[in-house]
C-alpha cells in the first residue's frame, strides 16, 4: 500500500466505515432496548392478570 493509497483510505473510506459501524450499533442497541421494554411490559401484564 503506497502512501497515497493509505491517505485515500483514511480520508474517504475510514469515515464511511465508522458511520456504518455507529449506525449498526445504534440500531442494535435500540432494538435491544425496545425488546427489553416489551418483555418487561408483557411480564407486568401477566403478573397483573392473576
Protein backbone atom coordinates (compact mmCIF):
# COMPACT_ATOMS: atom_id res chain seq x y z
CA UNK A 1 0.00 0.00 0.00
CA UNK A 2 1.59 3.27 -1.08
CA UNK A 3 1.38 6.44 0.97
CA UNK A 4 -1.16 7.91 -1.47
CA UNK A 5 -3.40 4.84 -1.27
CA UNK A 6 -3.20 4.92 2.53
CA UNK A 7 -4.14 8.60 2.53
CA UNK A 8 -7.16 7.97 0.30
CA UNK A 9 -8.27 5.11 2.55
CA UNK A 10 -8.03 7.22 5.71
CA UNK A 11 -9.75 10.28 4.25
CA UNK A 12 -12.56 8.62 2.32
CA UNK A 13 -13.24 5.02 3.35
CA UNK A 14 -12.49 5.10 7.08
CA UNK A 15 -15.18 7.70 7.97
CA UNK A 16 -17.75 5.75 5.98
CA UNK A 17 -16.89 2.55 7.85
CA UNK A 18 -17.09 4.38 11.18
CA UNK A 19 -20.50 5.84 10.26
CA UNK A 20 -21.79 2.40 9.25
CA UNK A 21 -20.47 0.86 12.47
CA UNK A 22 -22.11 3.62 14.51
CA UNK A 23 -25.43 3.25 12.71
CA UNK A 24 -25.34 -0.52 13.20
CA UNK A 25 -24.55 -0.20 16.91
CA UNK A 26 -27.34 2.36 17.35
CA UNK A 27 -29.83 0.07 15.59
CA UNK A 28 -28.81 -2.96 17.67
CA UNK A 29 -29.00 -1.09 20.99
CA UNK A 30 -32.30 0.50 20.01
CA UNK A 31 -33.75 -2.90 19.14
CA UNK A 32 -32.45 -4.41 22.39
CA UNK A 33 -33.98 -1.57 24.41
CA UNK A 34 -37.34 -1.98 22.71
CA UNK A 35 -37.20 -5.75 23.17
CA UNK A 36 -36.43 -5.43 26.89
CA UNK A 37 -39.18 -2.84 27.38
CA UNK A 38 -41.72 -5.05 25.60
CA UNK A 39 -40.60 -8.04 27.67
CA UNK A 40 -41.00 -6.09 30.93
CA UNK A 41 -44.45 -4.85 29.88
CA UNK A 42 -45.51 -8.38 28.96
CA UNK A 43 -44.35 -9.76 32.32
CA UNK A 44 -46.19 -6.98 34.18
CA UNK A 45 -49.39 -7.75 32.26
CA UNK A 46 -49.06 -11.45 33.05
CA UNK A 47 -48.46 -10.70 36.71
CA UNK A 48 -51.43 -8.32 36.92
CA UNK A 49 -53.74 -10.78 35.17
CA UNK A 50 -53.63 -13.22 38.10
